[in-house]
Structures are given as C-alpha cells and as structure tokens.
C-alpha cells in the first residue's frame, strides 16, 4: 500500500516538473523606430518561476550592444520573490544604415557551486530583444510567409504579412507564390489579394491553394510586387501530417495590467525527439504594429509526446478589446504558426484561432497542474478508504 502511494506521488512530481521553467523574462522583444541620438528607458522584468534562491547576471550582445546601458549587472532572487523589474537606457547614435538593427539583453541563471568550488547544474538563459528600425529613403517592404492547413487534399492558406519600411507609401502591393517539388517541378501557382500601404503600416496578403498532391516536402517561392519593384522569399513546407501541433493555450488567474502566464500545450507527432522547441507569440495593435512579442524558453520534446511551453506577457498599458495575434512554434529550421484572436478583459484573456479550432481558456479555471492535483487527492482518498476497509476486514477475521 505504501509503495503504491509513493509511486503515485513520484509520478505526479515528475509530471508537473516537465511544465515548469526556472527563469523567465518579459517582454521578449521591444521595437523602436529610429530617431537620431534617441535616449529612452526600456523596462523589463525577470521572473522566478520556481520560487527559489538564484543568482542572475545580465549580458548585452548584438550590433547595438554599445548603445545599451543596464541599471544592474547581476541580481539575487529569494524564494519569496516572484519577479523583479529593471530597466536599461538606450542611447542611439546620430545615424544608422536603413533596415533592422538589434541588441539582446541576456538574463543568465548561474549554477550553484559545490563545496569544492565546481558548478553544479546547467546555466539557463532567457533573452529580451531590442529591435530598432531605420526607414528606407524610398519604398521598401519587409515580409514573411506562413503556410497553414497543409494536410493532404485540404486547402492550404498562404499568408504574407507585409510591413512598409520606407518613407514613401505604396499604392499597390500583392504577392505571387509558386509551389515546387524537391525535383524543381512546379505543381501550383497562387496570387494573393492586393492593397495599399502607408509608411509603417502592416497588412496580411492571403491566397488559397488546393493541396491535391502527394505527401512530402515542397518549396514555396514568393515574390512580392509593389509599385514597379519586387522582392523574393523562399520557404520549405510539408504536405501531410504536421510534425508538431498546437493543442491549447491556457491563461489562468489573468488580471489586466499584470504579467500573464501563457501555458501553450504542443504535441510532437514525429517519431523522433524535437530539440530546442519554443513558442513565439506576437500581438498586434489596431494599426497592425507589434505591441507584444514574447517567447518561451526552449524545450526538447520526446517523440509522440506533449509538453507545455510557458511564455509571459506583460500587459501593462494594454487596453480592453480584441487584438489580432500570431503564435509560432519554432523547431530547428522549421516552424508552425497559427493566427489568433485575443479578447482582453479586465479579469480574463480568451484566445481563439482564426479559421480553425484551438482549445483555450482565460481568466480563472483549472490548468493541467490543477487537474493533476485533484487526481492525486482523489487517489489518496481511494487509497485511504481501501486501507481502512482492509484493516477492518482483518479485525473481523480475528
């Protein structure tokens, strides 16, 4: 009886431990539009998810590292401290080349040292990015390509998110996408809708393609045309069963203006382990600009198994309402992404898919850990009842 009890508790502890990440950071990314000699303070928070004693050091790296001044270089957490807020000062130069420029603020948890002076455990690091965009003098666009619903004989959706990065607006922009086999045989061509773009404006161009082809790998070659100019992008994708799928997004105990914990359950459908898998949530404001860019820590997911990826969204300054979003699950050189609709209320965050179903929950309610705790309590009660019954039966026999 005792053996069975300890096995239950052991399994419970091991299961829950897979869903906890020691250190977190929010926001995952801060984006600034370039201004000559701009000086600005940027806030960020480090999270102590396991409520433990730990030492954390900060490292600044990337092209703009000389433009970043941290308020502190290292910190110590006590078990009672859930998070700490910090800031860094940005001092941009007088000029930068047009395009994207980056810096990374790395929060590194230092392993504890043993009595012999050696370090025990692996170092864990999380990153908050600073992105600075310098507009191009004429017309210019940044764009990407996402491909959804690529099951065999389904209708795949090609989504081309586009941002106007030039100083001059665009009268008409559209995309043409050619689909090729690994043998460079063209098996389809689709054209998106078209629209106009103001400087700094963002939009999504979409097109549908009937995936009536054999399962396997394919190459999408996208060309974006805008006012007599064009840019190209290629992306590999697979037709057939997805290697990884997004099962649900849970948000418990949400309160607007605080840090929201997002529990993203993903499933590895492949027969091999997927390494360094992480989730990246993008939230867009009403002007199509990225208002939140948060990432989870990287995890290894065993074959044919599920795992929760934890990301944190700092909702300070966010207003109630509906927002478009996108969730990307990155694994190796590949990624899976889904468009989302986020309904933000003062005490709840409801996340639903756009054009597909996704299980989610906002506000209160049970998460996976809550359900496990309830199950363990039920099992303990059953075991206790069985123990009492067994003792009474033996007493009657005597």
Protein backbone atom coordinates (compact mmCIF):
# COMPACT_ATOMS: atom_id res chain seq x y z
CA UNK A 1 0.00 0.00 0.00
CA UNK A 2 2.74 2.45 0.98
CA UNK A 3 4.70 1.54 -2.13
CA UNK A 4 1.73 2.32 -4.36
CA UNK A 5 1.21 5.67 -2.58
CA UNK A 6 4.82 6.75 -3.13
CA UNK A 7 4.68 5.68 -6.79
CA UNK A 8 1.64 7.92 -7.32
CA UNK A 9 3.31 10.90 -5.67
CA UNK A 10 6.56 10.31 -7.60
CA UNK A 11 4.73 10.19 -10.95
CA UNK A 12 2.85 13.36 -10.06
CA UNK A 13 6.03 15.25 -9.16
CA UNK A 14 7.85 14.11 -12.30
CA UNK A 15 4.87 15.05 -14.50
CA UNK A 16 4.48 18.51 -13.03
CA UNK A 17 8.23 19.20 -13.20
CA UNK A 18 8.08 18.96 -17.01
CA UNK A 19 5.83 22.02 -17.12
CA UNK A 20 8.00 24.41 -15.09
CA UNK A 21 10.75 26.65 -16.38
CA UNK A 22 13.13 28.13 -13.80
CA UNK A 23 13.65 31.65 -15.18
CA UNK A 24 11.63 33.88 -17.46
CA UNK A 25 11.88 37.36 -18.97
CA UNK A 26 9.31 39.78 -20.35
CA UNK A 27 8.90 41.40 -22.81
CA UNK A 28 10.56 39.08 -25.29
CA UNK A 29 11.08 41.94 -27.71
CA UNK A 30 10.92 45.74 -27.72
CA UNK A 31 10.70 47.58 -31.04
CA UNK A 32 11.72 51.21 -31.61
CA UNK A 33 11.58 53.44 -34.67
CA UNK A 34 14.95 55.11 -35.17
CA UNK A 35 15.47 58.72 -34.17
CA UNK A 36 18.95 60.32 -34.26
CA UNK A 37 20.59 60.35 -30.79
CA UNK A 38 17.43 58.92 -29.22
CA UNK A 39 17.63 58.40 -25.45
CA UNK A 40 14.99 56.16 -23.93
CA UNK A 41 14.49 53.98 -20.86
CA UNK A 42 13.12 50.48 -21.52
CA UNK A 43 11.55 48.41 -18.75
CA UNK A 44 11.76 44.63 -18.47
CA UNK A 45 11.12 42.01 -15.80
CA UNK A 46 12.86 38.78 -14.79
CA UNK A 47 10.62 36.02 -13.42
CA UNK A 48 11.47 33.49 -10.71
CA UNK A 49 9.06 30.76 -11.82
CA UNK A 50 10.20 28.10 -9.35
CA UNK A 51 10.33 30.45 -6.33
CA UNK A 52 13.90 29.54 -5.49
CA UNK A 53 17.14 31.22 -4.50
CA UNK A 54 19.16 32.02 -7.61
CA UNK A 55 21.80 34.34 -8.97
CA UNK A 56 21.23 36.01 -12.35
CA UNK A 57 23.72 38.02 -14.41
CA UNK A 58 22.92 40.25 -17.38
CA UNK A 59 24.84 40.23 -20.65
CA UNK A 60 24.31 42.63 -23.57
CA UNK A 61 25.18 41.38 -27.03
CA UNK A 62 24.43 42.18 -30.66
CA UNK A 63 25.14 45.03 -33.04
CA UNK A 64 23.72 47.73 -30.74
CA UNK A 65 25.39 46.48 -27.54
CA UNK A 66 27.37 49.70 -27.17
CA UNK A 67 24.09 51.65 -27.19
CA UNK A 68 22.71 49.80 -24.14
CA UNK A 69 23.40 50.75 -20.52
CA UNK A 70 22.00 48.40 -17.86
CA UNK A 71 20.84 49.68 -14.49
CA UNK A 72 22.24 46.50 -12.86
CA UNK A 73 24.61 43.77 -13.98
CA UNK A 74 23.60 40.99 -11.58
CA UNK A 75 20.82 40.22 -9.14
CA UNK A 76 19.89 37.70 -6.46
CA UNK A 77 16.44 36.19 -6.04
CA UNK A 78 14.92 34.94 -2.79
CA UNK A 79 12.28 32.15 -2.91
CA UNK A 80 9.57 34.66 -1.91
CA UNK A 81 10.31 36.92 -4.92
CA UNK A 82 8.22 36.06 -7.99
CA UNK A 83 9.70 38.75 -10.24
CA UNK A 84 11.88 41.84 -10.31
CA UNK A 85 11.64 44.84 -12.59
CA UNK A 86 14.63 46.51 -14.25
CA UNK A 87 15.40 48.99 -16.97
CA UNK A 88 18.10 49.76 -19.44
CA UNK A 89 18.92 53.03 -21.15
CA UNK A 90 19.08 53.19 -24.93
CA UNK A 91 21.45 55.79 -26.42
CA UNK A 92 21.22 55.55 -30.21
CA UNK A 93 23.90 57.05 -32.47
CA UNK A 94 23.28 60.01 -34.77
CA UNK A 95 22.88 57.77 -37.79
CA UNK A 96 22.37 54.13 -38.75
CA UNK A 97 22.02 52.36 -42.07
CA UNK A 98 18.41 51.72 -43.23
CA UNK A 99 16.96 48.44 -42.02
CA UNK A 100 16.81 46.42 -38.81
CA UNK A 101 19.40 46.74 -36.03
CA UNK A 102 19.41 44.53 -32.92
CA UNK A 103 20.66 44.12 -29.37
CA UNK A 104 19.97 41.30 -26.93
CA UNK A 105 19.69 41.54 -23.15
CA UNK A 106 20.51 38.05 -21.84
CA UNK A 107 19.49 37.04 -18.30
CA UNK A 108 21.69 34.10 -17.30
CA UNK A 109 20.95 31.99 -14.23
CA UNK A 110 24.29 30.96 -12.70
CA UNK A 111 24.50 27.34 -11.49
CA UNK A 112 25.17 26.85 -7.80
CA UNK A 113 28.73 26.00 -6.82
CA UNK A 114 29.50 22.92 -4.75
CA UNK A 115 31.72 22.84 -1.67
CA UNK A 116 34.68 22.03 -3.93
CA UNK A 117 34.18 25.21 -5.95
CA UNK A 118 32.79 23.48 -9.05
CA UNK A 119 29.43 24.48 -10.55
CA UNK A 120 26.50 22.10 -10.31
CA UNK A 121 23.78 22.10 -13.00
CA UNK A 122 23.44 23.77 -16.37
CA UNK A 123 23.28 27.51 -16.97
CA UNK A 124 19.86 28.68 -18.15
CA UNK A 125 19.47 31.87 -20.19
CA UNK A 126 16.50 33.87 -21.48
CA UNK A 127 16.64 36.81 -23.89
CA UNK A 128 14.81 40.10 -24.37
CA UNK A 129 15.49 41.64 -27.78
CA UNK A 130 15.71 45.29 -28.76
CA UNK A 131 14.86 45.92 -32.41
CA UNK A 132 15.48 49.32 -33.99
CA UNK A 133 14.07 50.00 -37.45
CA UNK A 134 15.60 52.68 -39.64
CA UNK A 135 13.22 53.62 -42.50
CA UNK A 136 14.43 53.35 -46.10
CA UNK A 137 14.51 56.61 -48.09
CA UNK A 138 12.03 55.43 -50.76
CA UNK A 139 9.63 52.49 -50.92
CA UNK A 140 10.57 49.28 -49.14
CA UNK A 141 8.78 46.33 -47.53
CA UNK A 142 9.64 43.62 -45.02
CA UNK A 143 7.60 40.46 -45.40
CA UNK A 144 7.38 36.83 -44.36
CA UNK A 145 5.48 33.75 -45.48
CA UNK A 146 3.29 31.46 -43.38
CA UNK A 147 1.58 28.32 -44.69
CA UNK A 148 -1.39 26.87 -42.81
CA UNK A 149 -3.54 23.74 -43.15
CA UNK A 150 -1.12 21.69 -45.24
CA UNK A 151 -2.83 18.34 -44.79
CA UNK A 152 -3.06 16.27 -47.97
CA UNK A 153 -6.16 17.08 -50.09
CA UNK A 154 -7.01 20.07 -47.90
CA UNK A 155 -6.96 23.74 -48.87
CA UNK A 156 -3.70 25.33 -47.75
CA UNK A 157 -3.61 29.01 -46.84
CA UNK A 158 -0.62 31.18 -47.74
CA UNK A 159 -0.31 34.27 -45.56
CA UNK A 160 2.18 37.02 -46.43
CA UNK A 161 2.50 39.57 -43.57
CA UNK A 162 3.91 42.80 -45.01
CA UNK A 163 5.22 45.96 -43.32
CA UNK A 164 6.02 49.16 -45.21
CA UNK A 165 9.52 50.19 -44.02
CA UNK A 166 10.08 53.07 -46.44
CA UNK A 167 9.39 56.78 -46.01
CA UNK A 168 7.04 56.76 -49.02
CA UNK A 169 3.68 54.96 -49.11
CA UNK A 170 2.88 52.14 -51.53
CA UNK A 171 -0.02 52.42 -53.99
CA UNK A 172 -0.49 48.67 -54.59
CA UNK A 173 1.17 45.58 -53.19
CA UNK A 174 0.46 41.92 -53.99
CA UNK A 175 2.27 38.57 -53.91
CA UNK A 176 2.67 35.70 -56.37
CA UNK A 177 3.58 32.27 -54.94
CA UNK A 178 4.89 29.32 -56.96
CA UNK A 179 4.98 25.83 -55.40
CA UNK A 180 7.72 23.34 -56.41
CA UNK A 181 8.61 19.72 -55.64
CA UNK A 182 12.14 18.79 -54.46
CA UNK A 183 12.86 17.99 -58.15
CA UNK A 184 12.04 21.62 -59.04
CA UNK A 185 8.76 20.68 -60.75
CA UNK A 186 6.13 23.40 -60.45
CA UNK A 187 2.88 21.99 -59.05
CA UNK A 188 0.92 25.18 -58.45
CA UNK A 189 0.75 28.96 -58.57
CA UNK A 190 -1.43 31.25 -56.45
CA UNK A 191 -1.83 35.01 -56.31
CA UNK A 192 -2.85 36.98 -53.24
CA UNK A 193 -5.21 39.89 -52.93
CA UNK A 194 -3.76 43.42 -53.22
CA UNK A 195 -3.92 46.59 -51.16
CA UNK A 196 -2.24 49.97 -50.49
CA UNK A 197 0.17 50.64 -47.61
CA UNK A 198 1.10 53.82 -45.76
CA UNK A 199 4.63 54.19 -44.29
CA UNK A 200 4.95 51.97 -41.23
CA UNK A 201 1.62 50.23 -41.94
CA UNK A 202 1.23 46.46 -41.72
CA UNK A 203 -1.12 44.12 -43.58
CA UNK A 204 -1.54 40.45 -44.47
CA UNK A 205 -1.93 39.20 -48.04
CA UNK A 206 -3.62 35.80 -48.36
CA UNK A 207 -4.13 33.13 -51.02
CA UNK A 208 -5.61 29.61 -51.11
CA UNK A 209 -4.11 26.50 -52.72
CA UNK A 210 -5.75 23.04 -53.05
CA UNK A 211 -3.08 20.65 -51.73
CA UNK A 212 -4.10 17.77 -54.03
CA UNK A 213 -0.54 16.46 -54.23
CA UNK A 214 1.48 13.63 -52.75
CA UNK A 215 2.67 13.90 -49.16
CA UNK A 216 6.22 15.17 -48.75
CA UNK A 217 8.36 18.32 -48.84
CA UNK A 218 7.66 21.28 -51.11
CA UNK A 219 9.18 24.70 -51.73
CA UNK A 220 7.14 27.92 -51.90
CA UNK A 221 8.75 30.78 -53.84
CA UNK A 222 7.00 34.05 -53.05
CA UNK A 223 7.50 37.29 -54.96
CA UNK A 224 6.05 40.50 -53.56
CA UNK A 225 5.33 43.21 -56.15
CA UNK A 226 4.89 46.85 -55.09
CA UNK A 227 4.74 49.87 -57.41
CA UNK A 228 7.13 48.50 -60.02
CA UNK A 229 9.52 46.88 -57.51
CA UNK A 230 9.71 43.32 -56.23
CA UNK A 231 11.33 41.14 -53.55
CA UNK A 232 11.62 37.34 -53.27
CA UNK A 233 11.43 34.83 -50.43
CA UNK A 234 11.54 31.02 -50.32
CA UNK A 235 10.17 28.71 -47.65
CA UNK A 236 10.05 24.93 -47.34
CA UNK A 237 6.90 23.23 -46.08
CA UNK A 238 5.46 19.73 -45.89
CA UNK A 239 2.18 18.33 -47.15
CA UNK A 240 0.88 15.60 -44.89
CA UNK A 241 0.85 15.20 -41.13
CA UNK A 242 2.40 18.13 -39.29
CA UNK A 243 5.42 17.27 -37.16
CA UNK A 244 4.16 19.45 -34.33
CA UNK A 245 0.72 20.77 -33.45
CA UNK A 246 -0.63 23.38 -31.06
CA UNK A 247 -3.19 21.74 -28.80
CA UNK A 248 -4.27 24.50 -26.42
CA UNK A 249 -3.43 27.83 -24.83
CA UNK A 250 -4.37 28.27 -21.16
CA UNK A 251 -4.31 31.56 -19.28
CA UNK A 252 -5.18 31.30 -15.60
CA UNK A 253 -5.68 33.99 -12.97
CA UNK A 254 -5.44 36.76 -15.57
CA UNK A 255 -5.52 40.37 -14.41
CA UNK A 256 -5.09 43.20 -16.91
CA UNK A 257 -2.02 45.31 -16.15
CA UNK A 258 -0.05 42.40 -14.70
CA UNK A 259 2.15 39.69 -16.20
CA UNK A 260 0.04 36.97 -17.83
CA UNK A 261 1.33 33.40 -17.80
CA UNK A 262 0.55 31.61 -21.07
CA UNK A 263 0.62 27.79 -20.98
CA UNK A 264 0.96 26.57 -24.58
CA UNK A 265 0.46 22.84 -24.99
CA UNK A 266 2.14 21.39 -28.08
CA UNK A 267 2.38 17.84 -29.39
CA UNK A 268 5.32 16.25 -31.18
CA UNK A 269 3.74 13.95 -33.77
CA UNK A 270 7.06 12.81 -35.15
CA UNK A 271 8.80 9.53 -34.28
CA UNK A 272 11.94 11.39 -33.21
CA UNK A 273 12.72 13.89 -30.47
CA UNK A 274 12.44 17.55 -31.45
CA UNK A 275 15.12 19.73 -29.86
CA UNK A 276 15.09 23.42 -28.90
CA UNK A 277 11.36 23.93 -29.43
CA UNK A 278 9.99 27.30 -28.35
CA UNK A 279 6.82 29.34 -28.73
CA UNK A 280 6.73 32.92 -30.00
CA UNK A 281 3.52 34.94 -29.52
CA UNK A 282 3.02 38.16 -31.49
CA UNK A 283 0.18 40.55 -30.63
CA UNK A 284 -0.73 43.40 -32.99
CA UNK A 285 -2.45 46.68 -32.18
CA UNK A 286 -5.23 48.22 -34.24
CA UNK A 287 -2.68 49.80 -36.59
CA UNK A 288 -1.14 46.40 -37.31
CA UNK A 289 2.00 47.21 -35.30
CA UNK A 290 3.58 44.61 -32.99
CA UNK A 291 2.59 45.58 -29.46
CA UNK A 292 3.87 42.38 -27.81
CA UNK A 293 6.49 39.85 -28.81
CA UNK A 294 7.02 37.16 -26.19
CA UNK A 295 8.94 33.90 -26.33
CA UNK A 296 9.04 30.80 -24.17
CA UNK A 297 12.20 29.02 -23.07
CA UNK A 298 13.45 26.30 -25.43
CA UNK A 299 12.48 22.72 -24.61
CA UNK A 300 13.27 19.25 -26.00
CA UNK A 301 10.07 17.30 -26.71
CA UNK A 302 10.34 13.49 -26.88
CA UNK A 303 8.78 11.67 -29.82
CA UNK A 304 5.00 11.24 -29.85
CA UNK A 305 4.54 13.26 -26.65
CA UNK A 306 3.16 16.56 -25.41
CA UNK A 307 4.76 19.38 -23.47
CA UNK A 308 3.78 22.78 -22.16
CA UNK A 309 5.77 25.82 -23.26
CA UNK A 310 5.49 28.74 -20.85
CA UNK A 311 5.56 32.35 -22.09
CA UNK A 312 4.88 35.59 -20.21
CA UNK A 313 3.10 38.69 -21.49
CA UNK A 314 3.42 41.96 -19.59
CA UNK A 315 0.02 43.64 -20.09
CA UNK A 316 0.91 46.99 -18.55
CA UNK A 317 -0.64 49.69 -20.76
CA UNK A 318 -2.81 47.22 -22.71
CA UNK A 319 -6.48 48.27 -23.06
CA UNK A 320 -9.52 46.03 -23.08
CA UNK A 321 -10.63 44.90 -26.54
CA UNK A 322 -9.89 42.47 -29.36
CA UNK A 323 -6.42 42.08 -30.88
CA UNK A 324 -5.02 40.04 -33.74
CA UNK A 325 -2.13 37.76 -32.91
CA UNK A 326 0.09 35.02 -34.23
CA UNK A 327 1.60 32.04 -32.45
CA UNK A 328 4.73 30.44 -33.90
CA UNK A 329 6.23 27.18 -32.71
CA UNK A 330 9.86 27.07 -33.81
CA UNK A 331 11.79 23.80 -34.01
CA UNK A 332 15.18 23.72 -35.71
CA UNK A 333 14.97 25.48 -39.07
CA UNK A 334 11.22 24.86 -39.31
CA UNK A 335 8.19 26.46 -37.71
CA UNK A 336 4.44 26.07 -37.39
CA UNK A 337 2.24 29.12 -36.96
CA UNK A 338 -1.38 29.99 -36.30
CA UNK A 339 -3.32 33.24 -36.49
CA UNK A 340 -5.11 34.13 -33.25
CA UNK A 341 -7.77 36.46 -31.91
CA UNK A 342 -7.17 37.69 -28.36
CA UNK A 343 -10.11 39.07 -26.37
CA UNK A 344 -8.72 41.07 -23.45
CA UNK A 345 -10.93 41.91 -20.47
CA UNK A 346 -10.04 43.23 -17.04
CA UNK A 347 -10.05 39.75 -15.49
CA UNK A 348 -9.90 37.36 -18.45
CA UNK A 349 -7.94 36.67 -21.62
CA UNK A 350 -9.69 34.50 -24.21
CA UNK A 351 -7.57 33.22 -27.11
CA UNK A 352 -9.22 31.66 -30.15
CA UNK A 353 -7.98 30.57 -33.55
CA UNK A 354 -8.82 32.33 -36.80
CA UNK A 355 -10.35 29.88 -39.27
CA UNK A 356 -9.66 26.79 -37.12
CA UNK A 357 -10.35 25.44 -33.65
CA UNK A 358 -7.98 25.76 -30.74
CA UNK A 359 -8.72 24.85 -27.16
CA UNK A 360 -8.05 27.66 -24.75
CA UNK A 361 -9.17 29.24 -21.52
CA UNK A 362 -8.78 32.67 -19.98
CA UNK A 363 -9.28 34.08 -16.51
CA UNK A 364 -9.81 31.50 -13.81
CA UNK A 365 -10.38 27.76 -14.11
CA UNK A 366 -8.21 24.69 -13.98
CA UNK A 367 -4.89 24.18 -15.69
CA UNK A 368 -3.00 20.92 -16.15
CA UNK A 369 -1.35 21.18 -12.75
CA UNK A 370 -4.70 21.80 -11.03
CA UNK A 371 -6.19 18.72 -12.67
CA UNK A 372 -3.21 16.61 -11.59
CA UNK A 373 -3.52 17.82 -8.01
CA UNK A 374 -7.23 16.92 -7.97
CA UNK A 375 -6.43 13.46 -9.37
CA UNK A 376 -3.75 12.88 -6.74
CA UNK A 377 -6.16 13.93 -3.96
CA UNK A 378 -8.81 11.54 -5.31
CA UNK A 379 -6.26 8.72 -5.49
CA UNK A 380 -5.14 9.42 -1.92
CA UNK A 381 -8.74 9.28 -0.70
CA UNK A 382 -9.32 6.00 -2.56
CA UNK A 383 -6.12 4.52 -1.12
CA UNK A 384 -7.04 5.68 2.40
CA UNK A 385 -10.54 4.19 2.09
CA UNK A 386 -9.07 0.92 0.86
CA UNK A 387 -6.58 0.89 3.76
CA UNK A 388 -9.39 1.43 6.34
CA UNK A 389 -11.51 -1.27 4.71
CA UNK A 390 -8.57 -3.69 4.73
CA UNK A 391 -7.82 -3.03 8.42
CA UNK A 392 -11.48 -3.55 9.43
CA UNK A 393 -11.68 -6.77 7.40
CA UNK A 394 -8.61 -8.16 9.15
CA UNK A 395 -10.05 -7.13 12.55
CA UNK A 396 -13.31 -9.04 11.82
CA UNK A 397 -11.38 -12.13 10.79
CA UNK A 398 -9.52 -12.12 14.08
